[in-house]
Amino acid sequence: MDLGKAQASVMVPFEAMHKAASASGALDQKTKELMALAISIVVRCDDCIAYHVHDAIEAGATREELEEAIGVGVLMGGGPGMIYGTHAIEAVAQFLERTD
């Protein structure tokens, strides 16, 4: 079942909020994606990590910027953040392999 169809009244506004929150403003899209990556580590969401690594790279983030954002996520997430930080490092390697 497609969640967007099953819960359109929830998903359509959520997608609109996502687009608005991710759009460049005082913070550019790359910065927002790096922030979202760090938060993804803290909330322990593997799918979110992959999504935001991909979108940060698409927005122009470098390996070094991604690694620093991962470090912030680990800092804010404590021990569990360290485990999910390793998941994020793996995602960076996988997505950057595709662009090489």
PDB file of N, CA and C in Angstrom:
ATOM      1  N   MET A   1       0.842  -1.180   0.000  1.00  0.00           N
ATOM      2  CA  MET A   1       0.000   0.000   0.000  1.00  0.00           C
ATOM      3  C   MET A   1       0.887   1.243   0.000  1.00  0.00           C
ATOM      4  N   ASP A   2       0.490   2.219  -0.731  1.00  0.00           N
ATOM      5  CA  ASP A   2       1.210   3.483  -0.833  1.00  0.00           C
ATOM      6  C   ASP A   2       0.739   4.423   0.273  1.00  0.00           C
ATOM      7  N   LEU A   3       1.650   4.815   1.161  1.00  0.00           N
ATOM      8  CA  LEU A   3       1.290   5.682   2.283  1.00  0.00           C
ATOM      9  C   LEU A   3       0.728   7.014   1.802  1.00  0.00           C
ATOM     10  N   GLY A   4       1.284   7.541   0.704  1.00  0.00           N
ATOM     11  CA  GLY A   4       0.790   8.806   0.162  1.00  0.00           C
ATOM     12  C   GLY A   4      -0.665   8.740  -0.252  1.00  0.00           C
ATOM     13  N   LYS A   5      -1.080   7.592  -0.770  1.00  0.00           N
ATOM     14  CA  LYS A   5      -2.487   7.416  -1.158  1.00  0.00           C
ATOM     15  C   LYS A   5      -3.349   7.098   0.055  1.00  0.00           C
ATOM     16  N   ALA A   6      -2.842   6.244   0.924  1.00  0.00           N
ATOM     17  CA  ALA A   6      -3.619   5.830   2.090  1.00  0.00           C
ATOM     18  C   ALA A   6      -3.841   6.979   3.068  1.00  0.00           C
ATOM     19  N   GLN A   7      -2.866   7.872   3.157  1.00  0.00           N
ATOM     20  CA  GLN A   7      -2.941   8.981   4.113  1.00  0.00           C
ATOM     21  C   GLN A   7      -2.623  10.312   3.430  1.00  0.00           C
ATOM     22  N   ALA A   8      -3.274  10.561   2.318  1.00  0.00           N
ATOM     23  CA  ALA A   8      -3.005  11.781   1.544  1.00  0.00           C
ATOM     24  C   ALA A   8      -3.217  13.041   2.378  1.00  0.00           C
ATOM     25  N   SER A   9      -4.193  13.032   3.263  1.00  0.00           N
ATOM     26  CA  SER A   9      -4.461  14.233   4.062  1.00  0.00           C
ATOM     27  C   SER A   9      -3.315  14.551   5.015  1.00  0.00           C
ATOM     28  N   VAL A  10      -2.494  13.560   5.316  1.00  0.00           N
ATOM     29  CA  VAL A  10      -1.311  13.760   6.153  1.00  0.00           C
ATOM     30  C   VAL A  10      -0.077  13.988   5.288  1.00  0.00           C
ATOM     31  N   MET A  11       0.083  13.165   4.256  1.00  0.00           N
ATOM     32  CA  MET A  11       1.318  13.169   3.476  1.00  0.00           C
ATOM     33  C   MET A  11       1.465  14.385   2.569  1.00  0.00           C
ATOM     34  N   VAL A  12       0.387  14.873   1.987  1.00  0.00           N
ATOM     35  CA  VAL A  12       0.490  16.047   1.106  1.00  0.00           C
ATOM     36  C   VAL A  12       0.972  17.266   1.893  1.00  0.00           C
ATOM     37  N   PRO A  13       0.372  17.582   3.041  1.00  0.00           N
ATOM     38  CA  PRO A  13       0.904  18.710   3.814  1.00  0.00           C
ATOM     39  C   PRO A  13       2.325  18.462   4.336  1.00  0.00           C
ATOM     40  N   PHE A  14       2.630  17.201   4.681  1.00  0.00           N
ATOM     41  CA  PHE A  14       3.979  16.890   5.150  1.00  0.00           C
ATOM     42  C   PHE A  14       4.995  17.171   4.054  1.00  0.00           C
ATOM     43  N   GLU A  15       4.702  16.757   2.828  1.00  0.00           N
ATOM     44  CA  GLU A  15       5.607  17.008   1.700  1.00  0.00           C
ATOM     45  C   GLU A  15       5.771  18.509   1.462  1.00  0.00           C
ATOM     46  N   ALA A  16       4.689  19.266   1.582  1.00  0.00           N
ATOM     47  CA  ALA A  16       4.773  20.722   1.421  1.00  0.00           C
ATOM     48  C   ALA A  16       5.653  21.328   2.510  1.00  0.00           C
ATOM     49  N   MET A  17       5.504  20.845   3.740  1.00  0.00           N
ATOM     50  CA  MET A  17       6.337  21.331   4.836  1.00  0.00           C
ATOM     51  C   MET A  17       7.799  20.971   4.587  1.00  0.00           C
ATOM     52  N   HIS A  18       8.051  19.755   4.108  1.00  0.00           N
ATOM     53  CA  HIS A  18       9.414  19.317   3.818  1.00  0.00           C
ATOM     54  C   HIS A  18      10.056  20.232   2.782  1.00  0.00           C
ATOM     55  N   LYS A  19       9.340  20.516   1.708  1.00  0.00           N
ATOM     56  CA  LYS A  19       9.880  21.388   0.660  1.00  0.00           C
ATOM     57  C   LYS A  19      10.155  22.784   1.195  1.00  0.00           C
ATOM     58  N   ALA A  20       9.233  23.321   1.979  1.00  0.00           N
ATOM     59  CA  ALA A  20       9.411  24.670   2.522  1.00  0.00           C
ATOM     60  C   ALA A  20      10.584  24.726   3.496  1.00  0.00           C
ATOM     61  N   ALA A  21      10.696  23.743   4.369  1.00  0.00           N
ATOM     62  CA  ALA A  21      11.772  23.740   5.362  1.00  0.00           C
ATOM     63  C   ALA A  21      13.133  23.491   4.733  1.00  0.00           C
ATOM     64  N   SER A  22      13.167  22.765   3.605  1.00  0.00           N
ATOM     65  CA  SER A  22      14.433  22.430   2.944  1.00  0.00           C
ATOM     66  C   SER A  22      14.904  23.491   1.962  1.00  0.00           C
ATOM     67  N   ALA A  23      14.022  24.379   1.578  1.00  0.00           N
ATOM     68  CA  ALA A  23      14.372  25.384   0.569  1.00  0.00           C
ATOM     69  C   ALA A  23      15.415  26.359   1.112  1.00  0.00           C
ATOM     70  N   SER A  24      16.230  26.872   0.218  1.00  0.00           N
ATOM     71  CA  SER A  24      17.233  27.865   0.611  1.00  0.00           C
ATOM     72  C   SER A  24      16.554  29.120   1.123  1.00  0.00           C
ATOM     73  N   GLY A  25      17.124  29.673   2.152  1.00  0.00           N
ATOM     74  CA  GLY A  25      16.672  30.925   2.745  1.00  0.00           C
ATOM     75  C   GLY A  25      17.885  31.553   3.398  1.00  0.00           C
ATOM     76  N   ALA A  26      17.777  31.915   4.668  1.00  0.00           N
ATOM     77  CA  ALA A  26      18.944  32.410   5.392  1.00  0.00           C
ATOM     78  C   ALA A  26      20.015  31.316   5.461  1.00  0.00           C
ATOM     79  N   LEU A  27      19.573  30.059   5.507  1.00  0.00           N
ATOM     80  CA  LEU A  27      20.472  28.902   5.408  1.00  0.00           C
ATOM     81  C   LEU A  27      20.276  28.279   4.037  1.00  0.00           C
ATOM     82  N   ASP A  28      21.377  27.938   3.380  1.00  0.00           N
ATOM     83  CA  ASP A  28      21.237  27.305   2.070  1.00  0.00           C
ATOM     84  C   ASP A  28      20.833  25.844   2.231  1.00  0.00           C
ATOM     85  N   GLN A  29      20.409  25.243   1.126  1.00  0.00           N
ATOM     86  CA  GLN A  29      19.918  23.866   1.158  1.00  0.00           C
ATOM     87  C   GLN A  29      20.983  22.891   1.649  1.00  0.00           C
ATOM     88  N   LYS A  30      22.236  23.096   1.260  1.00  0.00           N
ATOM     89  CA  LYS A  30      23.308  22.199   1.699  1.00  0.00           C
ATOM     90  C   LYS A  30      23.427  22.211   3.219  1.00  0.00           C
ATOM     91  N   THR A  31      23.412  23.389   3.812  1.00  0.00           N
ATOM     92  CA  THR A  31      23.515  23.499   5.267  1.00  0.00           C
ATOM     93  C   THR A  31      22.350  22.794   5.944  1.00  0.00           C
ATOM     94  N   LYS A  32      21.158  22.983   5.402  1.00  0.00           N
ATOM     95  CA  LYS A  32      19.980  22.334   5.982  1.00  0.00           C
ATOM     96  C   LYS A  32      20.075  20.815   5.876  1.00  0.00           C
ATOM     97  N   GLU A  33      20.598  20.308   4.774  1.00  0.00           N
ATOM     98  CA  GLU A  33      20.748  18.856   4.629  1.00  0.00           C
ATOM     99  C   GLU A  33      21.801  18.313   5.593  1.00  0.00           C
ATOM    100  N   LEU A  34      22.870  19.071   5.814  1.00  0.00           N
ATOM    101  CA  LEU A  34      23.882  18.650   6.787  1.00  0.00           C
ATOM    102  C   LEU A  34      23.293  18.622   8.197  1.00  0.00           C
ATOM    103  N   MET A  35      22.456  19.609   8.508  1.00  0.00           N
ATOM    104  CA  MET A  35      21.771  19.614   9.801  1.00  0.00           C
ATOM    105  C   MET A  35      20.848  18.398   9.918  1.00  0.00           C
ATOM    106  N   ALA A  36      20.110  18.128   8.851  1.00  0.00           N
ATOM    107  CA  ALA A  36      19.186  16.992   8.861  1.00  0.00           C
ATOM    108  C   ALA A  36      19.944  15.674   9.014  1.00  0.00           C
ATOM    109  N   LEU A  37      21.125  15.587   8.416  1.00  0.00           N
ATOM    110  CA  LEU A  37      21.948  14.387   8.575  1.00  0.00           C
ATOM    111  C   LEU A  37      22.331  14.195  10.040  1.00  0.00           C
ATOM    112  N   ALA A  38      22.796  15.248  10.688  1.00  0.00           N
ATOM    113  CA  ALA A  38      23.172  15.145  12.101  1.00  0.00           C
ATOM    114  C   ALA A  38      21.970  14.733  12.952  1.00  0.00           C
ATOM    115  N   ILE A  39      20.827  15.318  12.677  1.00  0.00           N
ATOM    116  CA  ILE A  39      19.615  14.973  13.424  1.00  0.00           C
ATOM    117  C   ILE A  39      19.223  13.521  13.165  1.00  0.00           C
ATOM    118  N   SER A  40      19.392  13.057  11.938  1.00  0.00           N
ATOM    119  CA  SER A  40      19.062  11.666  11.594  1.00  0.00           C
ATOM    120  C   SER A  40      19.865  10.681  12.424  1.00  0.00           C
ATOM    121  N   ILE A  41      21.117  11.033  12.704  1.00  0.00           N
ATOM    122  CA  ILE A  41      21.959  10.185  13.553  1.00  0.00           C
ATOM    123  C   ILE A  41      21.411  10.178  14.974  1.00  0.00           C
ATOM    124  N   VAL A  42      21.055  11.349  15.481  1.00  0.00           N
ATOM    125  CA  VAL A  42      20.560  11.456  16.855  1.00  0.00           C
ATOM    126  C   VAL A  42      19.257  10.675  17.038  1.00  0.00           C
ATOM    127  N   VAL A  43      18.368  10.725  16.040  1.00  0.00           N
ATOM    128  CA  VAL A  43      17.087  10.021  16.175  1.00  0.00           C
ATOM    129  C   VAL A  43      17.157   8.573  15.694  1.00  0.00           C
ATOM    130  N   ARG A  44      18.348   8.149  15.249  1.00  0.00           N
ATOM    131  CA  ARG A  44      18.629   6.754  14.889  1.00  0.00           C
ATOM    132  C   ARG A  44      17.762   6.252  13.739  1.00  0.00           C
ATOM    133  N   CYS A  45      17.747   7.011  12.663  1.00  0.00           N
ATOM    134  CA  CYS A  45      16.920   6.672  11.503  1.00  0.00           C
ATOM    135  C   CYS A  45      17.812   6.367  10.297  1.00  0.00           C
ATOM    136  N   ASP A  46      18.049   5.080  10.034  1.00  0.00           N
ATOM    137  CA  ASP A  46      18.916   4.690   8.922  1.00  0.00           C
ATOM    138  C   ASP A  46      18.419   5.214   7.578  1.00  0.00           C
ATOM    139  N   ASP A  47      17.123   5.091   7.320  1.00  0.00           N
ATOM    140  CA  ASP A  47      16.599   5.584   6.043  1.00  0.00           C
ATOM    141  C   ASP A  47      16.780   7.091   5.924  1.00  0.00           C
ATOM    142  N   CYS A  48      16.602   7.808   7.034  1.00  0.00           N
ATOM    143  CA  CYS A  48      16.811   9.261   7.021  1.00  0.00           C
ATOM    144  C   CYS A  48      18.272   9.589   6.728  1.00  0.00           C
ATOM    145  N   ILE A  49      19.187   8.822   7.304  1.00  0.00           N
ATOM    146  CA  ILE A  49      20.615   9.029   7.060  1.00  0.00           C
ATOM    147  C   ILE A  49      20.899   8.921   5.573  1.00  0.00           C
ATOM    148  N   ALA A  50      20.434   7.848   4.947  1.00  0.00           N
ATOM    149  CA  ALA A  50      20.676   7.661   3.511  1.00  0.00           C
ATOM    150  C   ALA A  50      20.071   8.804   2.706  1.00  0.00           C
ATOM    151  N   TYR A  51      18.856   9.169   3.020  1.00  0.00           N
ATOM    152  CA  TYR A  51      18.150  10.236   2.308  1.00  0.00           C
ATOM    153  C   TYR A  51      18.927  11.548   2.396  1.00  0.00           C
ATOM    154  N   HIS A  52      19.365  11.907   3.601  1.00  0.00           N
ATOM    155  CA  HIS A  52      20.015  13.206   3.779  1.00  0.00           C
ATOM    156  C   HIS A  52      21.468  13.207   3.313  1.00  0.00           C
ATOM    157  N   VAL A  53      22.164  12.065   3.370  1.00  0.00           N
ATOM    158  CA  VAL A  53      23.492  11.991   2.746  1.00  0.00           C
ATOM    159  C   VAL A  53      23.344  12.243   1.254  1.00  0.00           C
ATOM    160  N   HIS A  54      22.409  11.547   0.631  1.00  0.00           N
ATOM    161  CA  HIS A  54      22.180  11.713  -0.810  1.00  0.00           C
ATOM    162  C   HIS A  54      21.862  13.167  -1.150  1.00  0.00           C
ATOM    163  N   ASP A  55      20.897  13.753  -0.428  1.00  0.00           N
ATOM    164  CA  ASP A  55      20.479  15.118  -0.749  1.00  0.00           C
ATOM    165  C   ASP A  55      21.561  16.143  -0.430  1.00  0.00           C
ATOM    166  N   ALA A  56      22.366  15.898   0.599  1.00  0.00           N
ATOM    167  CA  ALA A  56      23.475  16.810   0.898  1.00  0.00           C
ATOM    168  C   ALA A  56      24.510  16.779  -0.222  1.00  0.00           C
ATOM    169  N   ILE A  57      24.805  15.589  -0.733  1.00  0.00           N
ATOM    170  CA  ILE A  57      25.741  15.480  -1.857  1.00  0.00           C
ATOM    171  C   ILE A  57      25.172  16.191  -3.074  1.00  0.00           C
ATOM    172  N   GLU A  58      23.892  15.981  -3.348  1.00  0.00           N
ATOM    173  CA  GLU A  58      23.236  16.656  -4.476  1.00  0.00           C
ATOM    174  C   GLU A  58      23.294  18.176  -4.314  1.00  0.00           C
ATOM    175  N   ALA A  59      23.261  18.648  -3.070  1.00  0.00           N
ATOM    176  CA  ALA A  59      23.312  20.088  -2.797  1.00  0.00           C
ATOM    177  C   ALA A  59      24.743  20.622  -2.779  1.00  0.00           C
ATOM    178  N   GLY A  60      25.734  19.735  -3.014  1.00  0.00           N
ATOM    179  CA  GLY A  60      27.119  20.185  -3.126  1.00  0.00           C
ATOM    180  C   GLY A  60      28.003  19.928  -1.926  1.00  0.00           C
ATOM    181  N   ALA A  61      27.533  19.160  -0.951  1.00  0.00           N
ATOM    182  CA  ALA A  61      28.352  18.882   0.233  1.00  0.00           C
ATOM    183  C   ALA A  61      29.555  18.023  -0.136  1.00  0.00           C
ATOM    184  N   THR A  62      30.679  18.332   0.477  1.00  0.00           N
ATOM    185  CA  THR A  62      31.900  17.554   0.274  1.00  0.00           C
ATOM    186  C   THR A  62      31.972  16.436   1.308  1.00  0.00           C
ATOM    187  N   ARG A  63      32.853  15.487   1.076  1.00  0.00           N
ATOM    188  CA  ARG A  63      33.075  14.414   2.055  1.00  0.00           C
ATOM    189  C   ARG A  63      33.427  15.021   3.413  1.00  0.00           C
ATOM    190  N   GLU A  64      34.289  16.033   3.415  1.00  0.00           N
ATOM    191  CA  GLU A  64      34.722  16.644   4.674  1.00  0.00           C
ATOM    192  C   GLU A  64      33.545  17.287   5.404  1.00  0.00           C
ATOM    193  N   GLU A  65      32.670  17.967   4.675  1.00  0.00           N
ATOM    194  CA  GLU A  65      31.492  18.582   5.305  1.00  0.00           C
ATOM    195  C   GLU A  65      30.564  17.510   5.869  1.00  0.00           C
ATOM    196  N   LEU A  66      30.364  16.444   5.110  1.00  0.00           N
ATOM    197  CA  LEU A  66      29.532  15.342   5.585  1.00  0.00           C
ATOM    198  C   LEU A  66      30.119  14.722   6.848  1.00  0.00           C
ATOM    199  N   GLU A  67      31.424  14.512   6.847  1.00  0.00           N
ATOM    200  CA  GLU A  67      32.077  13.911   8.015  1.00  0.00           C
ATOM    201  C   GLU A  67      31.949  14.806   9.245  1.00  0.00           C
ATOM    202  N   GLU A  68      32.067  16.125   9.066  1.00  0.00           N
ATOM    203  CA  GLU A  68      31.906  17.031  10.211  1.00  0.00           C
ATOM    204  C   GLU A  68      30.479  17.021  10.731  1.00  0.00           C
ATOM    205  N   ALA A  69      29.508  16.987   9.824  1.00  0.00           N
ATOM    206  CA  ALA A  69      28.107  16.909  10.247  1.00  0.00           C
ATOM    207  C   ALA A  69      27.856  15.609  11.008  1.00  0.00           C
ATOM    208  N   ILE A  70      28.455  14.519  10.534  1.00  0.00           N
ATOM    209  CA  ILE A  70      28.336  13.239  11.233  1.00  0.00           C
ATOM    210  C   ILE A  70      28.934  13.354  12.632  1.00  0.00           C
ATOM    211  N   GLY A  71      30.060  14.045  12.760  1.00  0.00           N
ATOM    212  CA  GLY A  71      30.676  14.258  14.064  1.00  0.00           C
ATOM    213  C   GLY A  71      29.760  15.001  15.020  1.00  0.00           C
ATOM    214  N   VAL A  72      29.044  15.998  14.517  1.00  0.00           N
ATOM    215  CA  VAL A  72      28.089  16.732  15.354  1.00  0.00           C
ATOM    216  C   VAL A  72      26.958  15.800  15.786  1.00  0.00           C
ATOM    217  N   GLY A  73      26.490  14.966  14.862  1.00  0.00           N
ATOM    218  CA  GLY A  73      25.443  14.003  15.214  1.00  0.00           C
ATOM    219  C   GLY A  73      25.898  13.038  16.290  1.00  0.00           C
ATOM    220  N   VAL A  74      27.130  12.565  16.180  1.00  0.00           N
ATOM    221  CA  VAL A  74      27.683  11.663  17.194  1.00  0.00           C
ATOM    222  C   VAL A  74      27.773  12.383  18.538  1.00  0.00           C
ATOM    223  N   LEU A  75      28.264  13.607  18.530  1.00  0.00           N
ATOM    224  CA  LEU A  75      28.362  14.393  19.763  1.00  0.00           C
ATOM    225  C   LEU A  75      27.004  14.503  20.450  1.00  0.00           C
ATOM    226  N   MET A  76      25.991  14.846  19.687  1.00  0.00           N
ATOM    227  CA  MET A  76      24.673  15.083  20.259  1.00  0.00           C
ATOM    228  C   MET A  76      23.919  13.792  20.564  1.00  0.00           C
ATOM    229  N   GLY A  77      24.348  12.681  19.959  1.00  0.00           N
ATOM    230  CA  GLY A  77      23.649  11.418  20.157  1.00  0.00           C
ATOM    231  C   GLY A  77      24.300  10.481  21.155  1.00  0.00           C
ATOM    232  N   GLY A  78      25.476  10.845  21.670  1.00  0.00           N
ATOM    233  CA  GLY A  78      26.158   9.992  22.635  1.00  0.00           C
ATOM    234  C   GLY A  78      26.565   8.652  22.047  1.00  0.00           C
ATOM    235  N   GLY A  79      26.591   7.617  22.880  1.00  0.00           N
ATOM    236  CA  GLY A  79      27.009   6.282  22.454  1.00  0.00           C
ATOM    237  C   GLY A  79      26.209   5.744  21.280  1.00  0.00           C
ATOM    238  N   PRO A  80      24.865   5.778  21.347  1.00  0.00           N
ATOM    239  CA  PRO A  80      24.094   5.312  20.202  1.00  0.00           C
ATOM    240  C   PRO A  80      24.365   6.144  18.948  1.00  0.00           C
ATOM    241  N   GLY A  81      24.633   7.426  19.136  1.00  0.00           N
ATOM    242  CA  GLY A  81      24.971   8.275  17.995  1.00  0.00           C
ATOM    243  C   GLY A  81      26.239   7.809  17.308  1.00  0.00           C
ATOM    244  N   MET A  82      27.176   7.274  18.092  1.00  0.00           N
ATOM    245  CA  MET A  82      28.419   6.773  17.508  1.00  0.00           C
ATOM    246  C   MET A  82      28.124   5.601  16.570  1.00  0.00           C
ATOM    247  N   ILE A  83      27.236   4.719  16.972  1.00  0.00           N
ATOM    248  CA  ILE A  83      26.875   3.578  16.123  1.00  0.00           C
ATOM    249  C   ILE A  83      26.232   4.070  14.832  1.00  0.00           C
ATOM    250  N   TYR A  84      25.295   4.989  14.943  1.00  0.00           N
ATOM    251  CA  TYR A  84      24.622   5.498  13.747  1.00  0.00           C
ATOM    252  C   TYR A  84      25.536   6.392  12.927  1.00  0.00           C
ATOM    253  N   GLY A  85      26.543   6.977  13.564  1.00  0.00           N
ATOM    254  CA  GLY A  85      27.564   7.713  12.815  1.00  0.00           C
ATOM    255  C   GLY A  85      28.309   6.796  11.863  1.00  0.00           C
ATOM    256  N   THR A  86      28.561   5.552  12.297  1.00  0.00           N
ATOM    257  CA  THR A  86      29.218   4.599  11.390  1.00  0.00           C
ATOM    258  C   THR A  86      28.308   4.253  10.224  1.00  0.00           C
ATOM    259  N   HIS A  87      27.000   4.191  10.466  1.00  0.00           N
ATOM    260  CA  HIS A  87      26.056   3.953   9.364  1.00  0.00           C
ATOM    261  C   HIS A  87      26.126   5.112   8.368  1.00  0.00           C
ATOM    262  N   ALA A  88      26.232   6.330   8.885  1.00  0.00           N
ATOM    263  CA  ALA A  88      26.290   7.505   8.013  1.00  0.00           C
ATOM    264  C   ALA A  88      27.579   7.527   7.201  1.00  0.00           C
ATOM    265  N   ILE A  89      28.703   7.168   7.815  1.00  0.00           N
ATOM    266  CA  ILE A  89      29.978   7.106   7.081  1.00  0.00           C
ATOM    267  C   ILE A  89      29.870   6.094   5.943  1.00  0.00           C
ATOM    268  N   GLU A  90      29.228   4.956   6.205  1.00  0.00           N
ATOM    269  CA  GLU A  90      29.029   3.954   5.158  1.00  0.00           C
ATOM    270  C   GLU A  90      28.159   4.503   4.031  1.00  0.00           C
ATOM    271  N   ALA A  91      27.118   5.258   4.382  1.00  0.00           N
ATOM    272  CA  ALA A  91      26.243   5.848   3.365  1.00  0.00           C
ATOM    273  C   ALA A  91      27.002   6.852   2.511  1.00  0.00           C
ATOM    274  N   VAL A  92      27.852   7.667   3.138  1.00  0.00           N
ATOM    275  CA  VAL A  92      28.672   8.628   2.385  1.00  0.00           C
ATOM    276  C   VAL A  92      29.525   7.875   1.370  1.00  0.00           C
ATOM    277  N   ALA A  93      30.192   6.825   1.810  1.00  0.00           N
ATOM    278  CA  ALA A  93      31.054   6.056   0.904  1.00  0.00           C
ATOM    279  C   ALA A  93      30.249   5.477  -0.253  1.00  0.00           C
ATOM    280  N   GLN A  94      29.083   4.931   0.033  1.00  0.00           N
ATOM    281  CA  GLN A  94      28.266   4.330  -1.018  1.00  0.00           C
ATOM    282  C   GLN A  94      27.782   5.366  -2.027  1.00  0.00           C
ATOM    283  N   PHE A  95      27.300   6.506  -1.554  1.00  0.00           N
ATOM    284  CA  PHE A  95      26.792   7.517  -2.477  1.00  0.00           C
ATOM    285  C   PHE A  95      27.910   8.182  -3.262  1.00  0.00           C
ATOM    286  N   LEU A  96      29.063   8.409  -2.628  1.00  0.00           N
ATOM    287  CA  LEU A  96      30.172   9.029  -3.356  1.00  0.00           C
ATOM    288  C   LEU A  96      30.786   8.069  -4.363  1.00  0.00           C
ATOM    289  N   GLU A  97      30.728   6.754  -4.111  1.00  0.00           N
ATOM    290  CA  GLU A  97      31.188   5.766  -5.095  1.00  0.00           C
ATOM    291  C   GLU A  97      30.417   5.907  -6.394  1.00  0.00           C
ATOM    292  N   ARG A  98      29.134   6.194  -6.281  1.00  0.00           N
ATOM    293  CA  ARG A  98      28.278   6.331  -7.462  1.00  0.00           C
ATOM    294  C   ARG A  98      28.628   7.546  -8.297  1.00  0.00           C
ATOM    295  N   THR A  99      29.217   8.560  -7.657  1.00  0.00           N
ATOM    296  CA  THR A  99      29.537   9.791  -8.391  1.00  0.00           C
ATOM    297  C   THR A  99      30.959   9.803  -8.914  1.00  0.00           C
ATOM    298  N   ASP A 100      31.787   8.844  -8.496  1.00  0.00           N
ATOM    299  CA  ASP A 100      33.186   8.798  -8.962  1.00  0.00           C
ATOM    300  C   ASP A 100      33.297   8.218 -10.350  1.00  0.00           C
TER     301      ASP A 100
END
